[in-house]
N, C-alpha and C. Protein backbone atom coordinates (compact mmCIF):
# COMPACT_ATOMS: atom_id res chain seq x y z
N MET A 1 -5.13 -14.86 -58.35
CA MET A 1 -6.12 -13.42 -58.33
C MET A 1 -6.94 -14.19 -59.25
N THR A 2 -8.58 -14.03 -59.28
CA THR A 2 -9.42 -14.33 -59.96
C THR A 2 -9.62 -13.04 -60.90
N ARG A 3 -10.30 -13.38 -62.39
CA ARG A 3 -10.92 -11.91 -63.01
C ARG A 3 -12.23 -11.83 -62.72
N THR A 4 -12.51 -10.98 -62.40
CA THR A 4 -13.80 -10.48 -61.94
C THR A 4 -14.60 -10.65 -63.45
N MET A 5 -15.84 -11.41 -63.52
CA MET A 5 -16.87 -11.69 -64.43
C MET A 5 -17.58 -10.42 -64.57
N LEU A 6 -17.84 -9.75 -65.48
CA LEU A 6 -18.49 -8.60 -66.19
C LEU A 6 -19.75 -9.07 -67.21
N THR A 7 -20.79 -9.53 -66.74
CA THR A 7 -21.80 -9.78 -67.43
C THR A 7 -23.33 -9.66 -66.77
N GLY A 8 -24.03 -9.43 -67.78
CA GLY A 8 -25.18 -8.79 -67.24
C GLY A 8 -25.72 -7.17 -67.39
N SER A 9 -26.35 -6.70 -66.61
CA SER A 9 -26.80 -5.30 -66.43
C SER A 9 -26.18 -4.70 -65.70
N TYR A 10 -25.89 -3.31 -65.63
CA TYR A 10 -25.38 -2.58 -64.76
C TYR A 10 -26.56 -1.38 -64.50
N ARG A 11 -26.48 -0.58 -63.42
CA ARG A 11 -27.17 0.55 -63.10
C ARG A 11 -26.21 1.56 -62.78
N ILE A 12 -26.44 2.67 -63.08
CA ILE A 12 -25.72 4.11 -62.68
C ILE A 12 -26.29 4.58 -61.48
N LEU A 13 -25.23 4.70 -60.95
CA LEU A 13 -25.64 5.26 -59.41
C LEU A 13 -25.25 6.84 -59.02
N ASN A 14 -24.67 7.12 -59.81
CA ASN A 14 -23.68 8.60 -59.90
C ASN A 14 -23.93 9.45 -61.15
N GLN A 15 -25.10 9.42 -61.91
CA GLN A 15 -25.17 9.92 -63.21
C GLN A 15 -24.29 11.04 -63.50
N THR A 16 -24.54 12.12 -62.39
CA THR A 16 -24.03 13.46 -62.50
C THR A 16 -22.67 13.13 -62.72
N HIS A 17 -21.91 12.50 -61.99
CA HIS A 17 -20.31 12.53 -61.69
C HIS A 17 -19.86 11.87 -63.04
N LEU A 18 -20.29 10.81 -63.42
CA LEU A 18 -19.95 10.02 -64.70
C LEU A 18 -20.31 11.16 -66.11
N GLU A 19 -21.26 11.59 -66.18
CA GLU A 19 -21.47 12.91 -67.20
C GLU A 19 -20.19 13.89 -67.15
N ARG A 20 -20.16 14.24 -66.07
CA ARG A 20 -18.86 15.33 -65.85
C ARG A 20 -17.54 14.80 -66.43
N LYS A 21 -17.28 13.48 -66.13
CA LYS A 21 -15.96 12.62 -66.54
C LYS A 21 -16.18 12.67 -67.90
N ALA A 22 -17.30 12.02 -69.04
CA ALA A 22 -17.84 11.87 -70.00
C ALA A 22 -17.63 13.33 -70.83
N GLY A 23 -17.49 14.63 -70.16
CA GLY A 23 -17.33 15.95 -70.89
C GLY A 23 -16.08 16.46 -70.74
N ARG A 24 -14.82 15.50 -70.10
CA ARG A 24 -13.82 16.22 -70.02
C ARG A 24 -13.07 15.60 -71.09
N ARG A 25 -13.15 16.37 -72.28
CA ARG A 25 -12.42 15.94 -73.43
C ARG A 25 -10.62 16.09 -73.37
N THR A 26 -10.40 16.81 -72.37
CA THR A 26 -8.70 16.71 -71.86
C THR A 26 -8.38 15.40 -71.33
N ASP A 27 -9.33 14.47 -71.08
CA ASP A 27 -8.73 13.41 -70.23
C ASP A 27 -9.16 12.18 -71.45
N PRO A 28 -8.42 11.38 -71.81
CA PRO A 28 -8.44 10.43 -72.88
C PRO A 28 -9.30 9.16 -72.51
N ARG A 29 -9.41 9.33 -71.20
CA ARG A 29 -10.75 8.47 -70.35
C ARG A 29 -12.07 8.47 -70.62
N TYR A 30 -12.34 10.01 -71.27
CA TYR A 30 -13.73 10.50 -71.52
C TYR A 30 -14.46 9.24 -72.45
N VAL A 31 -13.70 8.67 -73.36
CA VAL A 31 -14.71 7.76 -74.06
C VAL A 31 -14.95 6.62 -73.49
N PHE A 32 -14.22 6.06 -72.29
CA PHE A 32 -15.14 4.80 -71.48
C PHE A 32 -16.34 5.44 -70.79
N TYR A 33 -16.35 6.50 -70.37
CA TYR A 33 -17.63 7.24 -69.55
C TYR A 33 -18.84 7.66 -70.81
N ILE A 34 -18.39 7.73 -71.87
CA ILE A 34 -19.37 7.91 -72.71
C ILE A 34 -20.17 6.68 -73.28
N SER A 35 -18.96 5.73 -73.33
CA SER A 35 -19.51 4.36 -73.34
C SER A 35 -20.39 3.75 -72.40
N LEU A 36 -19.88 4.23 -70.98
CA LEU A 36 -20.83 3.57 -69.93
C LEU A 36 -21.96 4.14 -69.83
N LEU A 37 -22.49 5.36 -70.27
CA LEU A 37 -23.32 6.05 -70.25
C LEU A 37 -24.38 5.66 -71.26
N ARG A 38 -24.03 5.47 -72.43
CA ARG A 38 -24.62 4.88 -73.32
C ARG A 38 -25.06 3.42 -73.36
N ASN A 39 -24.19 2.65 -72.64
CA ASN A 39 -25.01 1.34 -72.67
C ASN A 39 -25.27 0.93 -71.33
N SER A 40 -26.13 -0.13 -71.04
CA SER A 40 -26.47 -0.47 -69.92
C SER A 40 -26.08 -1.78 -69.72
N SER A 41 -25.16 -2.80 -70.11
CA SER A 41 -24.91 -3.81 -69.90
C SER A 41 -23.42 -3.84 -70.07
N TYR A 42 -22.64 -4.89 -69.35
CA TYR A 42 -21.21 -4.98 -69.36
C TYR A 42 -20.79 -5.70 -70.59
N GLU A 43 -21.65 -6.35 -71.30
CA GLU A 43 -21.31 -6.91 -72.60
C GLU A 43 -21.05 -5.64 -73.56
N GLY A 44 -22.24 -4.91 -73.66
CA GLY A 44 -22.14 -3.86 -74.57
C GLY A 44 -21.11 -2.58 -74.48
N TYR A 45 -20.81 -2.37 -72.71
CA TYR A 45 -19.80 -1.49 -72.87
C TYR A 45 -18.20 -2.37 -73.27
N LEU A 46 -18.29 -3.69 -72.88
CA LEU A 46 -17.11 -4.27 -73.34
C LEU A 46 -16.78 -4.42 -74.67
N ALA A 47 -17.66 -4.69 -75.43
CA ALA A 47 -17.92 -4.58 -76.83
C ALA A 47 -17.13 -3.35 -77.66
N GLU A 48 -17.89 -2.35 -76.95
CA GLU A 48 -17.27 -0.76 -77.68
C GLU A 48 -15.85 -0.62 -77.11
N VAL A 49 -15.55 -0.84 -75.78
CA VAL A 49 -14.41 0.06 -75.57
C VAL A 49 -13.49 -1.21 -74.58
N GLY A 50 -14.13 -2.14 -74.13
CA GLY A 50 -13.27 -3.08 -73.28
C GLY A 50 -12.08 -3.41 -73.79
N SER A 51 -11.51 -3.56 -74.76
CA SER A 51 -10.08 -3.66 -74.81
C SER A 51 -9.13 -2.43 -75.55
N ARG A 52 -9.82 -1.76 -75.32
CA ARG A 52 -9.31 -0.21 -75.85
C ARG A 52 -8.43 0.26 -74.97
N LEU A 53 -6.97 0.75 -75.22
CA LEU A 53 -6.37 1.37 -74.23
C LEU A 53 -5.99 2.72 -74.55
N VAL A 54 -5.67 3.35 -73.52
CA VAL A 54 -5.43 5.07 -73.81
C VAL A 54 -4.54 5.61 -72.94
N ASP A 55 -3.34 6.31 -73.06
CA ASP A 55 -2.59 6.83 -72.11
C ASP A 55 -3.12 7.84 -71.77
N VAL A 56 -2.82 7.94 -70.25
CA VAL A 56 -3.03 9.21 -69.41
C VAL A 56 -1.84 9.90 -68.87
N PRO A 57 -1.41 10.98 -69.70
CA PRO A 57 -0.16 11.91 -68.93
C PRO A 57 -0.08 11.97 -67.68
N GLY A 58 0.87 11.70 -67.33
CA GLY A 58 1.05 11.81 -65.92
C GLY A 58 0.67 10.94 -64.65
N PHE A 59 -0.27 10.06 -65.37
CA PHE A 59 -1.14 9.16 -64.30
C PHE A 59 -0.54 7.94 -64.05
N LYS A 60 -0.32 7.03 -65.25
CA LYS A 60 0.67 5.67 -64.82
C LYS A 60 1.68 5.58 -65.88
N ASN A 61 2.35 4.31 -65.76
CA ASN A 61 3.54 4.22 -66.90
C ASN A 61 2.61 3.30 -67.96
N SER A 62 1.60 2.72 -67.52
CA SER A 62 0.98 2.01 -68.74
C SER A 62 -0.25 2.20 -68.96
N PRO A 63 -0.93 2.00 -70.15
CA PRO A 63 -2.34 2.62 -70.51
C PRO A 63 -3.59 2.08 -69.63
N VAL A 64 -4.39 2.80 -69.79
CA VAL A 64 -5.59 2.25 -68.76
C VAL A 64 -6.55 1.39 -69.97
N SER A 65 -7.13 0.39 -69.67
CA SER A 65 -8.22 0.00 -70.67
C SER A 65 -9.51 0.28 -70.08
N GLY A 66 -10.45 0.06 -71.30
CA GLY A 66 -11.82 0.14 -70.77
C GLY A 66 -12.28 -0.83 -69.59
N ARG A 67 -11.78 -2.16 -69.46
CA ARG A 67 -12.12 -2.74 -68.71
C ARG A 67 -11.82 -2.65 -67.24
N ALA A 68 -10.63 -1.95 -67.36
CA ALA A 68 -10.11 -1.46 -65.80
C ALA A 68 -10.78 -0.50 -65.23
N GLU A 69 -11.10 0.50 -66.47
CA GLU A 69 -12.11 1.80 -66.01
C GLU A 69 -13.18 1.13 -65.60
N ILE A 70 -14.03 0.41 -65.91
CA ILE A 70 -15.51 0.08 -65.71
C ILE A 70 -15.26 -0.73 -64.07
N LEU A 71 -14.23 -1.35 -64.05
CA LEU A 71 -14.01 -2.15 -62.66
C LEU A 71 -13.75 -0.94 -61.35
N TYR A 72 -12.93 0.07 -61.79
CA TYR A 72 -12.92 1.26 -61.20
C TYR A 72 -14.23 1.83 -60.76
N CYS A 73 -15.02 2.19 -61.88
CA CYS A 73 -16.48 2.77 -61.59
C CYS A 73 -17.14 1.82 -60.29
N ARG A 74 -17.10 0.69 -60.58
CA ARG A 74 -17.81 -0.44 -59.46
C ARG A 74 -17.27 -0.43 -58.34
N ARG A 75 -15.96 -0.30 -58.13
CA ARG A 75 -15.29 -0.17 -56.76
C ARG A 75 -15.53 1.12 -56.16
N ASN A 76 -15.88 2.28 -56.91
CA ASN A 76 -16.03 3.31 -56.31
C ASN A 76 -17.74 3.85 -56.13
N GLY A 77 -18.18 2.95 -56.38
CA GLY A 77 -19.96 2.97 -56.04
C GLY A 77 -20.57 3.66 -57.09
N TRP A 78 -19.99 4.00 -58.28
CA TRP A 78 -20.71 4.77 -59.26
C TRP A 78 -21.80 3.83 -60.36
N ILE A 79 -21.27 2.88 -60.13
CA ILE A 79 -22.29 1.58 -60.74
C ILE A 79 -22.24 0.52 -60.05
N GLU A 80 -23.48 -0.08 -60.37
CA GLU A 80 -23.62 -1.43 -59.71
C GLU A 80 -24.32 -2.48 -60.55
N ASP A 81 -24.22 -3.60 -60.21
CA ASP A 81 -24.81 -4.82 -61.25
C ASP A 81 -26.41 -4.62 -60.78
N ALA A 82 -27.12 -4.61 -61.87
CA ALA A 82 -28.60 -4.69 -61.81
C ALA A 82 -29.24 -5.72 -61.29
N ALA A 83 -30.28 -5.76 -60.36
CA ALA A 83 -30.51 -7.09 -60.02
C ALA A 83 -31.64 -7.93 -60.95
């Protein structure tokens, strides 16, 4: 399995959805969405929260990382690489 290289700029495709997720203070992943909205590059986002881990009660047995969350956003089409 190859590790996805997250470099360069990204473009937000679903601003409203990401703002909603950033506003959910009961979900510990909100910090990832605040950072995602604040930054415009993968490097900036990863420097801020890439290695941060949060536990989401009832979600998984293991913590979620900032890197995993930005990959999730890409897979779901909420962000894309900027041209």
